[in-house]
Amino acid sequence: MHLTPTSTQPTAALAGVPSGIQSHGVWAGRRQVFIRFATEAETAQMYSASALVKELTRAATRATFHSIGVAGRDPVGNSEFLLAVLAALDVSLPVLLETDGQRPERLASFQGARGLTVVQVSATLGEGDAAFDRQLATLQAAAAIGVRHAFAVTPGPDVPDAVVLRAIERVHATAAGTEVVVHPVVSEKPGQLDRRWATLIEQASAVHADVQLLLRIPPPAGLR
């Protein structure tokens, strides 16, 4: 369905408004309706804020969801559009805003945004030092506006455990109330997980109390 935006409303390119199971992070396993900002490789549809509000309201009245998940390419960069949607949306669903953490300066504008419950920074720890510094700044900014803030990390296969631990230490030093979720890279046989992940979480919990190990839910069951 192609929705034609009006000229007086903020608009954004979305990959649709799918529903499904959140694949990762603090609400992994929860049934959500998603606002998915389109990536460069995806077919995009232009939505006005009011058109998206109608779509979300229709979805929320036809089925039961735990929450709304905001994800995709640069949702925080579309802050004007997203804030217009949240201001007009009248459904009693909490909102999880997932970001790569590269626009910490935009978070202040979300203070008091209706429904916004969690800001989640997703990372692999392979993005580089400058990118990680901005991710920390995003967690700090989320704490400053008074919303739950989470760090969901899926370490790349070449990321040593010591780097993961150091990252969690820096997360704790920056925003001690951050919920940390570590998604292990599963390269072992199905049903098996290397014991080093248990050791990693034990060590991480010694420096930051709120750390959990969760397996990601792969597609097609899991969405993000």
N, C-alpha and C. Protein backbone atom coordinates (compact mmCIF):
# COMPACT_ATOMS: atom_id res chain seq x y z
N MET A 1 0.85 -1.19 0.00
CA MET A 1 0.00 0.00 0.00
C MET A 1 0.88 1.24 0.00
N HIS A 2 0.67 2.14 -0.90
CA HIS A 2 1.45 3.35 -0.99
C HIS A 2 0.64 4.50 -0.41
N LEU A 3 1.25 5.20 0.55
CA LEU A 3 0.56 6.29 1.21
C LEU A 3 1.17 7.60 0.76
N THR A 4 0.36 8.50 0.28
CA THR A 4 0.85 9.77 -0.22
C THR A 4 0.83 10.80 0.90
N PRO A 5 1.99 11.36 1.28
CA PRO A 5 2.02 12.30 2.38
C PRO A 5 1.46 13.66 1.99
N THR A 6 1.02 14.42 2.97
CA THR A 6 0.60 15.78 2.72
C THR A 6 1.82 16.68 2.79
N SER A 7 1.70 17.89 2.28
CA SER A 7 2.85 18.79 2.20
C SER A 7 3.12 19.49 3.52
N THR A 8 2.22 19.42 4.48
CA THR A 8 2.36 20.17 5.73
C THR A 8 2.80 19.29 6.89
N GLN A 9 3.05 18.03 6.66
CA GLN A 9 3.43 17.13 7.73
C GLN A 9 4.82 16.57 7.49
N PRO A 10 5.54 16.25 8.58
CA PRO A 10 6.81 15.56 8.39
C PRO A 10 6.58 14.18 7.78
N THR A 11 7.49 13.75 6.96
CA THR A 11 7.38 12.46 6.29
C THR A 11 8.66 11.66 6.49
N ALA A 12 8.57 10.36 6.23
CA ALA A 12 9.75 9.50 6.33
C ALA A 12 9.57 8.31 5.41
N ALA A 13 10.71 7.76 4.99
CA ALA A 13 10.71 6.56 4.15
C ALA A 13 10.74 5.33 5.06
N LEU A 14 9.68 4.54 5.01
CA LEU A 14 9.58 3.36 5.87
C LEU A 14 9.59 2.09 5.03
N ALA A 15 10.06 1.02 5.65
CA ALA A 15 10.01 -0.30 5.03
C ALA A 15 8.72 -1.01 5.38
N GLY A 16 7.79 -0.29 6.01
CA GLY A 16 6.50 -0.85 6.35
C GLY A 16 6.24 -0.81 7.84
N VAL A 17 5.10 -1.39 8.22
CA VAL A 17 4.68 -1.45 9.62
C VAL A 17 4.36 -2.91 9.93
N PRO A 18 5.37 -3.77 9.96
CA PRO A 18 5.12 -5.20 10.19
C PRO A 18 4.86 -5.49 11.66
N SER A 19 4.36 -6.66 11.93
CA SER A 19 4.22 -7.12 13.31
C SER A 19 4.94 -8.46 13.43
N GLY A 20 5.44 -8.72 14.62
CA GLY A 20 6.16 -9.97 14.82
C GLY A 20 6.85 -10.00 16.16
N ILE A 21 7.82 -10.90 16.29
CA ILE A 21 8.53 -11.12 17.54
C ILE A 21 9.86 -10.37 17.52
N GLN A 22 10.08 -9.55 18.54
CA GLN A 22 11.36 -8.83 18.64
C GLN A 22 12.50 -9.83 18.79
N SER A 23 13.52 -9.65 17.97
CA SER A 23 14.58 -10.66 17.91
C SER A 23 15.68 -10.46 18.93
N HIS A 24 15.84 -9.25 19.45
CA HIS A 24 17.00 -9.03 20.32
C HIS A 24 16.75 -7.89 21.30
N GLY A 25 17.67 -7.75 22.24
CA GLY A 25 17.58 -6.65 23.19
C GLY A 25 16.72 -6.96 24.40
N VAL A 26 16.38 -5.90 25.14
CA VAL A 26 15.70 -6.07 26.43
C VAL A 26 14.29 -6.63 26.28
N TRP A 27 13.66 -6.43 25.12
CA TRP A 27 12.32 -6.97 24.91
C TRP A 27 12.32 -8.10 23.88
N ALA A 28 13.42 -8.83 23.80
CA ALA A 28 13.49 -9.99 22.90
C ALA A 28 12.40 -10.98 23.29
N GLY A 29 11.70 -11.49 22.28
CA GLY A 29 10.63 -12.45 22.51
C GLY A 29 9.27 -11.81 22.67
N ARG A 30 9.22 -10.47 22.74
CA ARG A 30 7.94 -9.79 22.86
C ARG A 30 7.32 -9.57 21.49
N ARG A 31 5.98 -9.65 21.45
CA ARG A 31 5.27 -9.39 20.20
C ARG A 31 5.09 -7.88 20.04
N GLN A 32 5.57 -7.37 18.93
CA GLN A 32 5.54 -5.94 18.70
C GLN A 32 4.95 -5.61 17.34
N VAL A 33 4.46 -4.38 17.22
CA VAL A 33 4.22 -3.79 15.91
C VAL A 33 5.39 -2.83 15.68
N PHE A 34 5.98 -2.90 14.51
CA PHE A 34 7.24 -2.19 14.24
C PHE A 34 7.03 -0.98 13.35
N ILE A 35 7.75 0.07 13.67
CA ILE A 35 7.97 1.18 12.74
C ILE A 35 9.37 0.97 12.19
N ARG A 36 9.46 0.56 10.94
CA ARG A 36 10.77 0.22 10.38
C ARG A 36 11.19 1.24 9.33
N PHE A 37 12.18 2.04 9.69
CA PHE A 37 12.73 2.99 8.74
C PHE A 37 13.55 2.22 7.71
N ALA A 38 13.37 2.57 6.46
CA ALA A 38 13.95 1.78 5.37
C ALA A 38 15.46 1.97 5.28
N THR A 39 16.16 0.88 5.03
CA THR A 39 17.58 0.94 4.72
C THR A 39 17.73 1.19 3.22
N GLU A 40 18.97 1.42 2.81
CA GLU A 40 19.22 1.72 1.40
C GLU A 40 18.84 0.53 0.50
N ALA A 41 18.91 -0.68 1.04
CA ALA A 41 18.65 -1.87 0.23
C ALA A 41 17.18 -2.25 0.20
N GLU A 42 16.34 -1.55 0.95
CA GLU A 42 14.93 -1.93 1.06
C GLU A 42 14.04 -1.03 0.22
N THR A 43 12.93 -1.59 -0.21
CA THR A 43 11.92 -0.80 -0.91
C THR A 43 11.22 0.10 0.10
N ALA A 44 11.19 1.39 -0.17
CA ALA A 44 10.64 2.34 0.78
C ALA A 44 9.31 2.89 0.32
N GLN A 45 8.47 3.19 1.30
CA GLN A 45 7.22 3.90 1.06
C GLN A 45 7.25 5.17 1.89
N MET A 46 6.81 6.27 1.31
CA MET A 46 6.76 7.52 2.04
C MET A 46 5.48 7.60 2.86
N TYR A 47 5.65 7.79 4.15
CA TYR A 47 4.53 7.93 5.07
C TYR A 47 4.51 9.35 5.63
N SER A 48 3.34 9.92 5.72
CA SER A 48 3.18 11.12 6.54
C SER A 48 2.97 10.67 7.98
N ALA A 49 3.15 11.60 8.92
CA ALA A 49 2.95 11.27 10.33
C ALA A 49 1.52 10.79 10.57
N SER A 50 0.55 11.47 10.00
CA SER A 50 -0.84 11.10 10.24
C SER A 50 -1.17 9.74 9.63
N ALA A 51 -0.60 9.42 8.48
CA ALA A 51 -0.84 8.11 7.86
C ALA A 51 -0.28 6.99 8.72
N LEU A 52 0.89 7.22 9.31
CA LEU A 52 1.47 6.18 10.17
C LEU A 52 0.66 6.03 11.45
N VAL A 53 0.17 7.13 12.00
CA VAL A 53 -0.67 7.06 13.19
C VAL A 53 -1.90 6.20 12.92
N LYS A 54 -2.53 6.41 11.77
CA LYS A 54 -3.71 5.61 11.42
C LYS A 54 -3.35 4.14 11.28
N GLU A 55 -2.20 3.85 10.68
CA GLU A 55 -1.77 2.46 10.49
C GLU A 55 -1.51 1.77 11.83
N LEU A 56 -0.83 2.48 12.73
CA LEU A 56 -0.53 1.91 14.04
C LEU A 56 -1.80 1.73 14.87
N THR A 57 -2.70 2.69 14.80
CA THR A 57 -3.95 2.60 15.55
C THR A 57 -4.77 1.42 15.05
N ARG A 58 -4.81 1.25 13.74
CA ARG A 58 -5.56 0.13 13.16
C ARG A 58 -4.96 -1.21 13.63
N ALA A 59 -3.64 -1.30 13.63
CA ALA A 59 -2.98 -2.53 14.06
C ALA A 59 -3.26 -2.83 15.53
N ALA A 60 -3.20 -1.78 16.37
CA ALA A 60 -3.38 -1.97 17.81
C ALA A 60 -4.80 -2.34 18.19
N THR A 61 -5.77 -1.99 17.35
CA THR A 61 -7.16 -2.34 17.65
C THR A 61 -7.55 -3.71 17.12
N ARG A 62 -6.73 -4.26 16.23
CA ARG A 62 -7.05 -5.55 15.63
C ARG A 62 -6.31 -6.72 16.28
N ALA A 63 -5.26 -6.45 17.03
CA ALA A 63 -4.47 -7.52 17.62
C ALA A 63 -3.84 -7.03 18.92
N THR A 64 -3.30 -7.96 19.69
CA THR A 64 -2.68 -7.64 20.97
C THR A 64 -1.16 -7.62 20.81
N PHE A 65 -0.56 -6.52 21.25
CA PHE A 65 0.89 -6.37 21.19
C PHE A 65 1.42 -5.96 22.55
N HIS A 66 2.65 -6.34 22.81
CA HIS A 66 3.32 -5.89 24.03
C HIS A 66 3.74 -4.44 23.92
N SER A 67 4.18 -4.04 22.71
CA SER A 67 4.80 -2.73 22.57
C SER A 67 4.98 -2.38 21.10
N ILE A 68 5.48 -1.17 20.88
CA ILE A 68 5.85 -0.69 19.55
C ILE A 68 7.37 -0.67 19.48
N GLY A 69 7.92 -1.25 18.43
CA GLY A 69 9.37 -1.24 18.23
C GLY A 69 9.73 -0.31 17.09
N VAL A 70 10.63 0.62 17.35
CA VAL A 70 11.10 1.55 16.33
C VAL A 70 12.52 1.16 15.95
N ALA A 71 12.74 0.83 14.70
CA ALA A 71 14.05 0.32 14.29
C ALA A 71 14.30 0.68 12.83
N GLY A 72 15.37 0.08 12.29
CA GLY A 72 15.72 0.36 10.89
C GLY A 72 16.82 1.39 10.80
N ARG A 73 16.98 1.95 9.63
CA ARG A 73 18.08 2.88 9.39
C ARG A 73 17.80 4.25 10.00
N ASP A 74 18.57 4.62 10.97
CA ASP A 74 18.61 5.98 11.53
C ASP A 74 17.26 6.52 11.99
N PRO A 75 16.55 5.83 12.87
CA PRO A 75 15.28 6.37 13.36
C PRO A 75 15.43 7.67 14.13
N VAL A 76 16.53 7.81 14.88
CA VAL A 76 16.74 9.04 15.65
C VAL A 76 17.00 10.21 14.71
N GLY A 77 17.57 9.95 13.55
CA GLY A 77 17.78 11.00 12.56
C GLY A 77 16.48 11.52 11.98
N ASN A 78 15.40 10.76 12.15
CA ASN A 78 14.06 11.18 11.72
C ASN A 78 13.24 11.64 12.92
N SER A 79 13.89 12.38 13.82
CA SER A 79 13.26 12.74 15.09
C SER A 79 12.01 13.59 14.90
N GLU A 80 12.00 14.52 13.96
CA GLU A 80 10.82 15.37 13.77
C GLU A 80 9.60 14.53 13.41
N PHE A 81 9.80 13.60 12.49
CA PHE A 81 8.71 12.71 12.06
C PHE A 81 8.26 11.83 13.22
N LEU A 82 9.21 11.21 13.91
CA LEU A 82 8.87 10.27 14.97
C LEU A 82 8.17 10.98 16.13
N LEU A 83 8.63 12.15 16.49
CA LEU A 83 7.98 12.90 17.58
C LEU A 83 6.57 13.31 17.21
N ALA A 84 6.34 13.65 15.94
CA ALA A 84 4.98 13.99 15.50
C ALA A 84 4.06 12.78 15.61
N VAL A 85 4.59 11.62 15.27
CA VAL A 85 3.79 10.38 15.38
C VAL A 85 3.45 10.08 16.82
N LEU A 86 4.44 10.13 17.70
CA LEU A 86 4.20 9.81 19.11
C LEU A 86 3.24 10.80 19.76
N ALA A 87 3.33 12.06 19.37
CA ALA A 87 2.44 13.08 19.95
C ALA A 87 0.99 12.84 19.58
N ALA A 88 0.77 12.31 18.37
CA ALA A 88 -0.61 12.12 17.88
C ALA A 88 -1.15 10.73 18.16
N LEU A 89 -0.28 9.79 18.51
CA LEU A 89 -0.69 8.40 18.69
C LEU A 89 -1.38 8.20 20.04
N ASP A 90 -2.58 7.67 20.01
CA ASP A 90 -3.36 7.49 21.24
C ASP A 90 -3.65 6.00 21.46
N VAL A 91 -2.59 5.24 21.65
CA VAL A 91 -2.73 3.83 22.01
C VAL A 91 -1.86 3.58 23.22
N SER A 92 -2.30 2.66 24.07
CA SER A 92 -1.60 2.42 25.33
C SER A 92 -0.53 1.35 25.19
N LEU A 93 0.43 1.60 24.31
CA LEU A 93 1.54 0.68 24.11
C LEU A 93 2.85 1.40 24.40
N PRO A 94 3.73 0.81 25.19
CA PRO A 94 5.06 1.41 25.39
C PRO A 94 5.87 1.32 24.11
N VAL A 95 6.85 2.19 24.00
CA VAL A 95 7.64 2.30 22.78
C VAL A 95 9.11 2.04 23.09
N LEU A 96 9.72 1.16 22.30
CA LEU A 96 11.16 0.91 22.35
C LEU A 96 11.80 1.54 21.12
N LEU A 97 12.70 2.46 21.35
CA LEU A 97 13.42 3.13 20.27
C LEU A 97 14.82 2.55 20.17
N GLU A 98 15.07 1.83 19.08
CA GLU A 98 16.40 1.24 18.86
C GLU A 98 17.22 2.18 17.98
N THR A 99 18.48 2.33 18.33
CA THR A 99 19.36 3.23 17.59
C THR A 99 20.77 2.66 17.55
N ASP A 100 21.55 3.10 16.56
CA ASP A 100 22.95 2.72 16.53
C ASP A 100 23.79 3.65 17.40
N GLY A 101 23.14 4.64 18.01
CA GLY A 101 23.82 5.50 18.96
C GLY A 101 24.70 6.58 18.38
N GLN A 102 24.52 6.90 17.10
CA GLN A 102 25.41 7.86 16.47
C GLN A 102 24.88 9.30 16.46
N ARG A 103 23.72 9.54 17.06
CA ARG A 103 23.17 10.90 17.10
C ARG A 103 22.73 11.25 18.53
N PRO A 104 23.66 11.25 19.47
CA PRO A 104 23.27 11.53 20.86
C PRO A 104 22.65 12.90 21.05
N GLU A 105 23.02 13.86 20.21
CA GLU A 105 22.50 15.22 20.36
C GLU A 105 21.01 15.30 20.07
N ARG A 106 20.45 14.31 19.39
CA ARG A 106 19.02 14.32 19.07
C ARG A 106 18.14 13.83 20.22
N LEU A 107 18.73 13.15 21.20
CA LEU A 107 17.92 12.53 22.25
C LEU A 107 17.20 13.54 23.13
N ALA A 108 17.78 14.72 23.32
CA ALA A 108 17.15 15.71 24.19
C ALA A 108 15.75 16.07 23.72
N SER A 109 15.54 16.05 22.40
CA SER A 109 14.23 16.42 21.86
C SER A 109 13.16 15.39 22.19
N PHE A 110 13.56 14.19 22.64
CA PHE A 110 12.59 13.14 22.97
C PHE A 110 12.13 13.19 24.43
N GLN A 111 12.62 14.15 25.19
CA GLN A 111 12.21 14.24 26.58
C GLN A 111 10.70 14.47 26.66
N GLY A 112 10.02 13.63 27.43
CA GLY A 112 8.58 13.74 27.59
C GLY A 112 7.78 13.19 26.43
N ALA A 113 8.42 12.55 25.44
CA ALA A 113 7.69 12.02 24.29
C ALA A 113 6.71 10.95 24.75
N ARG A 114 5.47 11.05 24.28
CA ARG A 114 4.43 10.12 24.70
C ARG A 114 4.79 8.68 24.36
N GLY A 115 4.71 7.82 25.37
CA GLY A 115 4.90 6.39 25.16
C GLY A 115 6.34 5.92 25.17
N LEU A 116 7.31 6.84 24.96
CA LEU A 116 8.70 6.38 24.88
C LEU A 116 9.14 5.81 26.22
N THR A 117 9.52 4.54 26.21
CA THR A 117 9.83 3.81 27.44
C THR A 117 11.28 3.38 27.51
N VAL A 118 11.83 2.91 26.38
CA VAL A 118 13.20 2.41 26.36
C VAL A 118 13.93 2.99 25.15
N VAL A 119 15.14 3.48 25.38
CA VAL A 119 16.07 3.79 24.29
C VAL A 119 17.15 2.71 24.33
N GLN A 120 17.27 1.99 23.24
CA GLN A 120 18.20 0.86 23.18
C GLN A 120 19.28 1.12 22.13
N VAL A 121 20.52 1.12 22.57
CA VAL A 121 21.66 1.24 21.66
C VAL A 121 22.12 -0.16 21.29
N SER A 122 22.14 -0.47 20.01
CA SER A 122 22.57 -1.79 19.54
C SER A 122 23.95 -1.67 18.90
N ALA A 123 24.84 -2.59 19.25
CA ALA A 123 26.23 -2.48 18.81
C ALA A 123 26.84 -3.85 18.60
N THR A 124 27.96 -3.86 17.87
CA THR A 124 28.75 -5.08 17.68
C THR A 124 30.14 -4.94 18.30
N LEU A 125 30.51 -3.72 18.70
CA LEU A 125 31.83 -3.36 19.20
C LEU A 125 32.89 -3.44 18.10
N GLY A 126 32.43 -3.49 16.86
CA GLY A 126 33.36 -3.42 15.74
C GLY A 126 33.22 -2.12 14.99
N GLU A 127 32.49 -1.17 15.56
CA GLU A 127 32.21 0.08 14.86
C GLU A 127 33.34 1.12 14.97
N GLY A 128 34.28 0.90 15.89
CA GLY A 128 35.38 1.84 16.06
C GLY A 128 35.22 2.67 17.33
N ASP A 129 36.33 3.26 17.79
CA ASP A 129 36.35 3.99 19.05
C ASP A 129 35.44 5.21 19.02
N ALA A 130 35.48 5.97 17.93
CA ALA A 130 34.65 7.18 17.85
C ALA A 130 33.18 6.84 17.90
N ALA A 131 32.79 5.79 17.21
CA ALA A 131 31.39 5.36 17.20
C ALA A 131 30.97 4.89 18.59
N PHE A 132 31.86 4.18 19.29
CA PHE A 132 31.52 3.71 20.63
C PHE A 132 31.37 4.89 21.60
N ASP A 133 32.22 5.90 21.45
CA ASP A 133 32.08 7.09 22.29
C ASP A 133 30.72 7.74 22.09
N ARG A 134 30.22 7.78 20.86
CA ARG A 134 28.89 8.36 20.60
C ARG A 134 27.79 7.46 21.18
N GLN A 135 28.02 6.15 21.14
CA GLN A 135 27.04 5.24 21.74
C GLN A 135 26.94 5.47 23.25
N LEU A 136 28.07 5.68 23.89
CA LEU A 136 28.06 5.99 25.32
C LEU A 136 27.35 7.31 25.57
N ALA A 137 27.61 8.29 24.73
CA ALA A 137 26.95 9.59 24.88
C ALA A 137 25.44 9.46 24.70
N THR A 138 25.01 8.55 23.83
CA THR A 138 23.58 8.31 23.64
C THR A 138 22.95 7.71 24.88
N LEU A 139 23.63 6.75 25.51
CA LEU A 139 23.13 6.18 26.76
C LEU A 139 23.03 7.25 27.84
N GLN A 140 24.02 8.11 27.92
CA GLN A 140 24.02 9.19 28.89
C GLN A 140 22.87 10.15 28.62
N ALA A 141 22.63 10.45 27.33
CA ALA A 141 21.54 11.36 26.97
C ALA A 141 20.18 10.75 27.29
N ALA A 142 20.05 9.43 27.08
CA ALA A 142 18.79 8.75 27.40
C ALA A 142 18.54 8.78 28.90
N ALA A 143 19.58 8.58 29.68
CA ALA A 143 19.43 8.68 31.13
C ALA A 143 19.01 10.08 31.54
N ALA A 144 19.54 11.09 30.86
CA ALA A 144 19.25 12.48 31.20
C ALA A 144 17.79 12.85 30.95
N ILE A 145 17.14 12.20 29.97
CA ILE A 145 15.74 12.51 29.71
C ILE A 145 14.79 11.60 30.48
N GLY A 146 15.35 10.74 31.31
CA GLY A 146 14.54 9.97 32.25
C GLY A 146 13.84 8.77 31.69
N VAL A 147 14.40 8.12 30.66
CA VAL A 147 13.79 6.89 30.14
C VAL A 147 14.75 5.72 30.36
N ARG A 148 14.20 4.51 30.38
CA ARG A 148 15.03 3.32 30.47
C ARG A 148 16.01 3.32 29.31
N HIS A 149 17.22 2.86 29.57
CA HIS A 149 18.24 2.84 28.52
C HIS A 149 18.96 1.51 28.56
N ALA A 150 19.19 0.96 27.39
CA ALA A 150 19.75 -0.38 27.28
C ALA A 150 20.87 -0.40 26.26
N PHE A 151 21.80 -1.32 26.47
CA PHE A 151 22.91 -1.54 25.54
C PHE A 151 22.85 -3.00 25.13
N ALA A 152 22.46 -3.24 23.88
CA ALA A 152 22.34 -4.61 23.35
C ALA A 152 23.52 -4.86 22.43
N VAL A 153 24.40 -5.75 22.85
CA VAL A 153 25.64 -5.97 22.11
C VAL A 153 25.70 -7.39 21.58
N THR A 154 25.98 -7.49 20.28
CA THR A 154 26.25 -8.77 19.64
C THR A 154 27.69 -8.71 19.16
N PRO A 155 28.64 -9.17 19.97
CA PRO A 155 30.06 -9.02 19.61
C PRO A 155 30.38 -9.74 18.30
N GLY A 156 31.11 -9.05 17.44
CA GLY A 156 31.55 -9.70 16.21
C GLY A 156 32.46 -10.87 16.52
N PRO A 157 32.63 -11.79 15.58
CA PRO A 157 33.43 -13.01 15.84
C PRO A 157 34.89 -12.73 16.17
N ASP A 158 35.38 -11.55 15.80
CA ASP A 158 36.78 -11.21 16.06
C ASP A 158 36.95 -10.32 17.28
N VAL A 159 35.87 -10.10 18.04
CA VAL A 159 35.94 -9.23 19.22
C VAL A 159 36.30 -10.07 20.44
N PRO A 160 37.45 -9.81 21.06
CA PRO A 160 37.85 -10.60 22.24
C PRO A 160 36.95 -10.31 23.44
N ASP A 161 36.87 -11.27 24.35
CA ASP A 161 36.06 -11.09 25.55
C ASP A 161 36.53 -9.90 26.36
N ALA A 162 37.84 -9.64 26.37
CA ALA A 162 38.37 -8.50 27.13
C ALA A 162 37.81 -7.18 26.61
N VAL A 163 37.57 -7.10 25.31
CA VAL A 163 36.99 -5.88 24.73
C VAL A 163 35.54 -5.74 25.17
N VAL A 164 34.81 -6.85 25.21
CA VAL A 164 33.42 -6.80 25.67
C VAL A 164 33.36 -6.34 27.12
N LEU A 165 34.23 -6.89 27.96
CA LEU A 165 34.25 -6.52 29.37
C LEU A 165 34.60 -5.05 29.55
N ARG A 166 35.58 -4.57 28.80
CA ARG A 166 35.97 -3.17 28.90
C ARG A 166 34.82 -2.28 28.45
N ALA A 167 34.09 -2.68 27.43
CA ALA A 167 32.95 -1.89 26.97
C ALA A 167 31.88 -1.80 28.05
N ILE A 168 31.61 -2.92 28.72
CA ILE A 168 30.60 -2.92 29.78
C ILE A 168 31.06 -2.06 30.95
N GLU A 169 32.35 -2.09 31.26
CA GLU A 169 32.89 -1.21 32.30
C GLU A 169 32.66 0.26 31.96
N ARG A 170 32.87 0.62 30.70
CA ARG A 170 32.69 2.01 30.28
C ARG A 170 31.21 2.38 30.26
N VAL A 171 30.36 1.44 29.87
CA VAL A 171 28.92 1.68 29.94
C VAL A 171 28.52 1.98 31.38
N HIS A 172 29.01 1.19 32.31
CA HIS A 172 28.68 1.38 33.73
C HIS A 172 29.16 2.74 34.22
N ALA A 173 30.38 3.11 33.84
CA ALA A 173 30.93 4.39 34.28
C ALA A 173 30.17 5.57 33.68
N THR A 174 29.59 5.37 32.51
CA THR A 174 28.88 6.47 31.83
C THR A 174 27.45 6.59 32.29
N ALA A 175 26.74 5.46 32.39
CA ALA A 175 25.32 5.45 32.77
C ALA A 175 25.06 4.17 33.56
N ALA A 176 25.18 4.26 34.86
CA ALA A 176 25.15 3.06 35.71
C ALA A 176 23.81 2.34 35.67
N GLY A 177 22.75 3.02 35.25
CA GLY A 177 21.44 2.39 35.20
C GLY A 177 21.14 1.67 33.91
N THR A 178 22.12 1.53 33.05
CA THR A 178 21.92 0.88 31.75
C THR A 178 21.65 -0.61 31.91
N GLU A 179 20.65 -1.12 31.18
CA GLU A 179 20.41 -2.55 31.10
C GLU A 179 21.26 -3.11 29.95
N VAL A 180 22.13 -4.03 30.27
CA VAL A 180 23.04 -4.59 29.26
C VAL A 180 22.59 -5.99 28.87
N VAL A 181 22.45 -6.20 27.57
CA VAL A 181 22.11 -7.52 27.04
C VAL A 181 23.24 -7.95 26.11
N VAL A 182 23.80 -9.12 26.36
CA VAL A 182 24.84 -9.68 25.50
C VAL A 182 24.24 -10.83 24.72
N HIS A 183 24.32 -10.72 23.39
CA HIS A 183 23.85 -11.80 22.52
C HIS A 183 25.06 -12.57 22.01
N PRO A 184 25.22 -13.82 22.42
CA PRO A 184 26.39 -14.58 22.00
C PRO A 184 26.35 -14.93 20.52
N VAL A 185 27.53 -14.99 19.95
CA VAL A 185 27.67 -15.49 18.58
C VAL A 185 27.69 -17.00 18.66
N VAL A 186 26.67 -17.64 18.10
CA VAL A 186 26.53 -19.09 18.22
C VAL A 186 27.13 -19.75 16.98
N SER A 187 28.32 -20.29 17.15
CA SER A 187 28.98 -20.99 16.04
C SER A 187 29.12 -22.48 16.34
N GLU A 188 28.64 -22.86 17.53
CA GLU A 188 28.75 -24.26 17.91
C GLU A 188 27.60 -25.07 17.32
N LYS A 189 27.56 -26.35 17.67
CA LYS A 189 26.47 -27.21 17.20
C LYS A 189 25.15 -26.72 17.79
N PRO A 190 24.05 -26.96 17.08
CA PRO A 190 22.74 -26.56 17.61
C PRO A 190 22.51 -27.09 19.02
N GLY A 191 22.04 -26.21 19.90
CA GLY A 191 21.77 -26.62 21.27
C GLY A 191 22.97 -26.51 22.19
N GLN A 192 24.14 -26.13 21.66
CA GLN A 192 25.33 -26.00 22.48
C GLN A 192 25.82 -24.56 22.47
N LEU A 193 26.36 -24.14 23.60
CA LEU A 193 26.91 -22.79 23.72
C LEU A 193 28.19 -22.88 24.51
N ASP A 194 29.27 -22.30 23.99
CA ASP A 194 30.56 -22.37 24.64
C ASP A 194 30.49 -21.82 26.07
N ARG A 195 31.12 -22.51 27.00
CA ARG A 195 31.08 -22.11 28.41
C ARG A 195 31.71 -20.73 28.63
N ARG A 196 32.52 -20.27 27.70
CA ARG A 196 33.16 -18.97 27.90
C ARG A 196 32.15 -17.84 28.05
N TRP A 197 30.94 -18.06 27.50
CA TRP A 197 29.93 -17.01 27.64
C TRP A 197 29.45 -16.91 29.08
N ALA A 198 29.35 -18.04 29.76
CA ALA A 198 28.99 -18.01 31.18
C ALA A 198 30.08 -17.31 31.98
N THR A 199 31.33 -17.57 31.64
CA THR A 199 32.44 -16.90 32.32
C THR A 199 32.44 -15.41 32.05
N LEU A 200 32.14 -15.05 30.81
CA LEU A 200 32.09 -13.64 30.44
C LEU A 200 31.02 -12.90 31.23
N ILE A 201 29.83 -13.48 31.34
CA ILE A 201 28.75 -12.83 32.08
C ILE A 201 29.07 -12.76 33.56
N GLU A 202 29.72 -13.78 34.09
CA GLU A 202 30.14 -13.75 35.50
C GLU A 202 31.08 -12.57 35.75
N GLN A 203 32.03 -12.40 34.86
CA GLN A 203 32.99 -11.30 35.01
C GLN A 203 32.31 -9.95 34.80
N ALA A 204 31.40 -9.88 33.81
CA ALA A 204 30.71 -8.62 33.54
C ALA A 204 29.81 -8.21 34.70
N SER A 205 29.17 -9.19 35.32
CA SER A 205 28.27 -8.90 36.43
C SER A 205 29.01 -8.37 37.65
N ALA A 206 30.30 -8.63 37.72
CA ALA A 206 31.09 -8.12 38.84
C ALA A 206 31.31 -6.62 38.74
N VAL A 207 31.18 -6.06 37.51
CA VAL A 207 31.38 -4.62 37.33
C VAL A 207 30.09 -3.88 37.02
N HIS A 208 29.05 -4.62 36.59
CA HIS A 208 27.77 -4.00 36.26
C HIS A 208 26.67 -5.01 36.57
N ALA A 209 25.80 -4.66 37.51
CA ALA A 209 24.85 -5.66 38.03
C ALA A 209 23.82 -6.10 37.01
N ASP A 210 23.41 -5.22 36.12
CA ASP A 210 22.31 -5.53 35.21
C ASP A 210 22.84 -6.00 33.86
N VAL A 211 23.30 -7.25 33.83
CA VAL A 211 23.81 -7.87 32.59
C VAL A 211 23.10 -9.20 32.41
N GLN A 212 22.61 -9.44 31.20
CA GLN A 212 22.00 -10.74 30.93
C GLN A 212 22.47 -11.27 29.58
N LEU A 213 22.51 -12.59 29.49
CA LEU A 213 22.90 -13.29 28.26
C LEU A 213 21.63 -13.84 27.62
N LEU A 214 21.39 -13.46 26.37
CA LEU A 214 20.21 -13.91 25.65
C LEU A 214 20.58 -14.34 24.24
N LEU A 215 20.00 -15.44 23.80
CA LEU A 215 20.14 -15.83 22.41
C LEU A 215 19.19 -14.99 21.55
N ARG A 216 19.66 -14.55 20.42
CA ARG A 216 18.80 -13.83 19.49
C ARG A 216 17.82 -14.81 18.84
N ILE A 217 16.67 -14.28 18.49
CA ILE A 217 15.65 -15.08 17.79
C ILE A 217 15.83 -14.84 16.30
N PRO A 218 16.29 -15.84 15.55
CA PRO A 218 16.60 -15.61 14.14
C PRO A 218 15.35 -15.48 13.29
N PRO A 219 15.48 -14.84 12.12
CA PRO A 219 14.36 -14.79 11.20
C PRO A 219 14.09 -16.19 10.65
N PRO A 220 12.89 -16.45 10.20
CA PRO A 220 11.79 -15.49 10.02
C PRO A 220 10.96 -15.23 11.26
N ALA A 221 11.21 -15.98 12.36
CA ALA A 221 10.41 -15.74 13.56
C ALA A 221 10.74 -14.39 14.18
N GLY A 222 12.03 -14.05 14.24
CA GLY A 222 12.45 -12.83 14.88
C GLY A 222 12.57 -11.66 13.91
N LEU A 223 12.10 -10.50 14.35
CA LEU A 223 12.19 -9.28 13.55
C LEU A 223 12.90 -8.20 14.36
N ARG A 224 13.36 -7.19 13.68
CA ARG A 224 13.90 -6.00 14.35
C ARG A 224 13.83 -4.83 13.39
